Each structure stands twice: as structure tokens, then as C-alpha cells.
Protein backbone atom coordinates (compact mmCIF):
# COMPACT_ATOMS: atom_id res chain seq x y z
CA MET A 1 0.00 0.00 0.00
CA SER A 2 1.22 3.43 -0.76
CA ALA A 3 0.74 6.53 1.35
CA CYS A 4 -0.98 9.54 -0.17
CA ILE A 5 0.77 12.87 0.11
CA SER A 6 -1.58 15.83 0.16
CA SER A 7 -0.79 18.88 -1.90
CA LYS A 8 -2.42 21.33 0.51
CA PRO A 9 -0.48 24.52 1.23
CA HIS A 10 1.73 24.50 4.29
CA LEU A 11 0.62 26.95 7.00
CA SER A 12 3.22 28.58 9.19
CA PHE A 13 2.84 31.09 12.00
CA SER A 14 5.27 33.80 12.97
CA LEU A 15 5.14 36.07 15.99
CA SER A 16 5.60 39.71 15.16
CA SER A 17 8.56 41.17 17.02
CA GLU A 18 7.13 44.67 16.64
CA LEU A 19 4.95 44.13 19.71
CA LEU A 20 7.77 42.80 21.80
CA SER A 21 10.02 45.79 21.11
CA GLU A 22 7.42 48.55 21.48
CA LYS A 23 5.76 49.63 24.69
CA ILE A 24 2.02 50.08 24.15
CA GLU A 25 0.07 52.52 26.29
CA LYS A 26 -3.25 51.12 27.35
CA PRO A 27 -6.30 53.21 28.27
CA THR A 28 -7.20 53.27 31.95
CA ASN A 29 -10.89 52.30 31.63
CA LEU A 30 -10.67 48.70 30.36
CA SER A 31 -12.36 45.35 30.75
CA TRP A 32 -10.69 42.16 31.93
CA SER A 33 -9.94 41.06 28.35
CA SER A 34 -7.60 43.98 27.79
CA SER A 35 -5.31 42.86 30.60
CA PHE A 36 -4.02 40.02 28.42
CA PRO A 37 -0.98 40.75 26.28
CA GLN A 38 -1.82 41.70 22.73
CA LEU A 39 -0.27 39.37 20.17
CA ASN A 40 0.05 40.11 16.49
CA LEU A 41 0.14 36.81 14.65
CA SER A 42 0.89 36.66 10.94
CA ILE A 43 -0.28 33.70 8.91
CA TYR A 44 1.09 33.13 5.47
CA THR A 45 0.87 30.26 3.06
CA SER A 46 3.90 28.91 1.32
CA LEU A 47 3.83 26.39 -1.47
CA SER A 48 7.43 26.96 -2.48
CA PRO A 49 10.34 29.18 -1.41
CA SER A 50 9.59 31.59 -4.27
CA ASN A 51 6.13 32.20 -2.87
CA ILE A 52 7.38 33.54 0.51
CA SER A 53 7.48 37.14 -0.75
CA HIS A 54 3.73 37.05 -1.48
CA LYS A 55 2.49 36.95 2.11
CA GLN A 56 -1.13 37.15 3.02
CA ARG A 57 -1.18 38.59 6.53
CA PHE A 58 -4.00 38.15 8.96
CA ILE A 59 -3.43 40.08 12.16
CA VAL A 60 -5.15 38.97 15.33
CA GLU A 61 -5.65 41.87 17.69
CA ALA A 62 -7.64 42.00 20.90
CA ALA A 63 -10.29 44.69 20.80
CA TRP A 64 -10.38 47.22 23.59
CA THR A 65 -13.69 46.77 25.34
CA ARG A 66 -14.41 49.89 27.31
CA ARG A 67 -17.58 51.85 27.82
CA SER A 68 -17.80 55.06 25.91
CA SER A 69 -19.07 58.12 27.72
CA SER A 70 -22.36 57.98 25.81
CA GLU A 71 -22.88 54.35 26.80
CA ALA A 72 -22.08 55.15 30.43
CA ALA A 73 -24.60 57.99 30.31
CA LYS A 74 -27.27 55.65 28.96
CA ARG A 75 -26.80 53.09 31.74
CA PRO A 76 -25.56 54.83 34.87
CA ASN A 77 -27.23 52.41 37.28
CA ARG A 78 -25.26 49.24 36.67
CA LYS A 79 -25.69 46.58 39.33
CA SER A 80 -22.80 45.98 41.66
CA TRP A 81 -21.26 42.56 42.34
CA LYS A 82 -23.22 42.25 45.57
CA GLN A 83 -26.51 43.11 43.87
CA ARG A 84 -25.88 40.47 41.20
CA THR A 85 -24.79 37.68 43.54
CA ASP A 86 -26.82 38.40 46.68
CA MET A 87 -29.84 36.38 45.61
CA TYR A 88 -27.65 33.27 45.34
CA MET A 89 -25.64 33.89 48.51
CA ARG A 90 -28.70 34.67 50.65
CA PRO A 91 -31.57 32.95 48.83
CA PHE A 92 -34.32 33.13 51.47
CA LEU A 93 -35.73 36.57 52.24
CA LEU A 94 -38.12 37.49 55.05
CA SER A 95 -40.66 40.22 54.47
CA ILE A 96 -42.89 41.60 57.22
CA PHE A 97 -45.82 43.94 56.73
CA PHE A 98 -47.73 45.70 59.48
CA SER A 99 -51.14 47.03 58.52
CA LYS A 100 -53.50 48.82 60.88
CA ARG A 101 -55.44 45.62 61.50
CA PHE A 102 -53.09 42.69 60.79
CA ILE A 103 -49.50 41.47 60.71
CA HIS A 104 -48.26 39.58 57.63
CA ALA A 105 -44.92 37.76 57.32
CA LYS A 106 -43.52 35.46 54.65
CA VAL A 107 -40.25 33.81 53.70
CA MET A 108 -39.58 33.71 49.98
CA HIS A 109 -36.91 32.13 47.77
CA ARG A 110 -35.36 34.95 45.76
CA GLY A 111 -34.28 32.97 42.71
CA THR A 112 -37.58 31.23 42.03
CA SER A 113 -39.96 33.63 43.85
CA LYS A 114 -41.44 30.62 45.61
CA VAL A 115 -43.07 31.33 48.97
CA ILE A 116 -41.58 29.00 51.60
CA SER A 117 -43.65 29.93 54.63
CA VAL A 118 -46.44 32.39 55.45
CA ALA A 119 -47.96 33.58 58.70
CA THR A 120 -50.62 36.21 59.17
CA THR A 121 -52.89 37.25 62.00
CA ASN A 122 -55.72 37.39 59.46
CA ALA A 123 -55.81 33.58 59.26
CA LYS A 124 -59.00 31.99 60.64
CA ASP A 125 -57.33 30.14 63.50
CA LEU A 126 -55.42 33.20 64.74
CA ARG A 127 -58.17 35.74 64.10
CA ASN A 128 -60.53 33.92 66.46
CA SER A 129 -57.99 32.95 69.12
CA LEU A 130 -55.97 36.17 69.61
CA PRO A 131 -57.50 39.06 71.59
CA SER A 132 -55.59 41.66 69.52
CA LEU A 133 -54.20 41.08 66.04
CA THR A 134 -51.48 43.77 66.21
CA ASP A 135 -50.08 43.76 69.76
CA GLU A 136 -46.85 42.27 71.14
CA ASN A 137 -48.42 38.86 71.76
CA ALA A 138 -49.52 38.68 68.10
CA CYS A 139 -45.96 39.58 67.00
CA LYS A 140 -44.56 36.70 69.08
CA VAL A 141 -47.10 34.28 67.61
CA ILE A 142 -46.23 35.35 64.05
CA GLY A 143 -42.49 34.99 64.73
CA LYS A 144 -42.96 31.51 66.19
CA LEU A 145 -45.15 30.36 63.27
CA ILE A 146 -42.69 31.65 60.65
CA ALA A 147 -39.81 29.87 62.41
CA GLU A 148 -41.70 26.56 62.68
CA ARG A 149 -42.95 26.64 59.08
CA SER A 150 -39.51 27.55 57.76
CA LYS A 151 -37.93 24.66 59.64
CA ASP A 152 -40.55 22.32 58.20
CA ALA A 153 -39.44 23.48 54.72
CA ASP A 154 -35.75 22.84 55.68
CA VAL A 155 -34.86 26.52 55.78
CA PHE A 156 -32.69 27.38 58.77
CA ALA A 157 -31.10 30.66 57.63
CA ILE A 158 -32.95 33.66 56.23
CA ALA A 159 -32.11 37.25 55.38
CA TYR A 160 -34.04 40.34 56.36
CA GLU A 161 -33.54 43.69 54.69
CA PRO A 162 -35.55 46.45 56.38
CA PRO A 163 -37.02 49.13 54.12
CA LYS A 164 -35.30 52.51 53.93
CA ASN A 165 -35.54 54.67 57.05
CA VAL A 166 -37.10 51.87 59.11
CA ARG A 167 -35.62 51.18 62.52
CA ILE A 168 -35.62 47.69 63.97
CA GLU A 169 -37.55 48.42 67.13
CA GLY A 170 -40.98 47.87 68.61
CA ARG A 171 -43.18 45.25 66.96
CA LEU A 172 -40.65 44.57 64.20
CA ALA A 173 -37.92 43.80 66.75
CA ILE A 174 -40.28 41.47 68.62
CA VAL A 175 -41.02 39.46 65.46
CA LEU A 176 -37.34 39.22 64.50
CA ASN A 177 -36.21 38.26 68.01
CA THR A 178 -38.90 35.58 68.26
CA ILE A 179 -37.82 34.09 64.93
CA GLU A 180 -34.22 34.01 66.12
CA GLU A 181 -35.14 32.49 69.48
CA ASN A 182 -36.96 29.66 67.72
CA GLY A 183 -33.86 28.46 65.86
CA ILE A 184 -33.69 30.45 62.64
CA MET A 185 -30.42 32.22 61.90
CA PHE A 186 -30.25 35.61 60.17
CA VAL A 187 -27.55 35.99 57.51
């Protein structure tokens, strides 16, 4: 059997020494891709030694990926690292709402928006058994129910982010302390 020799052109690569000898100034506002060294690669085909002078050059250059001032003006409110990763680092979020007549609390999974546990003083069993639906005793009952129902759903750590300009005191502090006393950790 004989081996077949292909007549395809031979490809060779050469590294341009221009880059190695020159010092290139890089802009200050760059992305991570611009931190890699920029290589100029030339590719030429050679079928015979006489063909070397007819080089076809293809230069590979990394593009600078920076935001222009107009693009930055269009999107000034970019999310920070914490805002983008927080829903995965602290997936279960507690929300508490105090109305004039009732107290509502729920634990929700941030990624799927699935409600894990709910407790409200407007429920039939609590509405008929509690003398007041908004006092300190009702806050303790809501905290205990949220803790028990969260444990039943295998959730032992939750996050609470109070709304702006809201102090953790009074009825809110009672609910949070009761949840913590019943074995749920705040992260």
C-alpha cells in the first residue's frame, strides 16, 4: 500500500517582534480582556520558497472593550457585584408587613420567587384565638409560626432587609427576636 501525500499549502505562524520591542500605552478604563498581552500573529501560506514574498497577513488583535461616555450615560445604574450575587448567597428573604389591622410575614426564595412559609394574624385560627391582632403577643405568635414553618421546609437561615428609614424596634424587633429564638439564623 502506498501513502498519499496531500498537496495542501503549508501553514506557518510567525510572531511579530514589533509588539515585543514597542511599549504600548493602554487606556485606563478597560475590561478584563484587555489585561491580556496583545499578540500580532501573521499567517502566510507557502507552497514553495519563491512564494514567501507574497504573504497574506492576517493580524489577530484583541479589541479594547471599554464603555464610551455615551454608553455610560445611557446606563448609569449598573448593578454591583453584591446586587448580582446576593440572591444566590442569601436565597431566602423574610418580608414583614404591618397594617392597621393585621401582621403579615412570609419567607420567599429569591431565585424562584417561591413562597416557603407564610404567617398572618388574618388567618381563621389566629383571628378567632388572639385578643388583639397587632399587639406584642400577636408579634410573638407570628415569629414563632414563621420559624416553625420555615424549619418544616428545611430553611434554617434567612435574610431580612428592612425598608429605607425603618428602625428595627418595637413590633418589628419582637417578630425578628422571636424568629431568632426559635432556631432560625439571620444571615
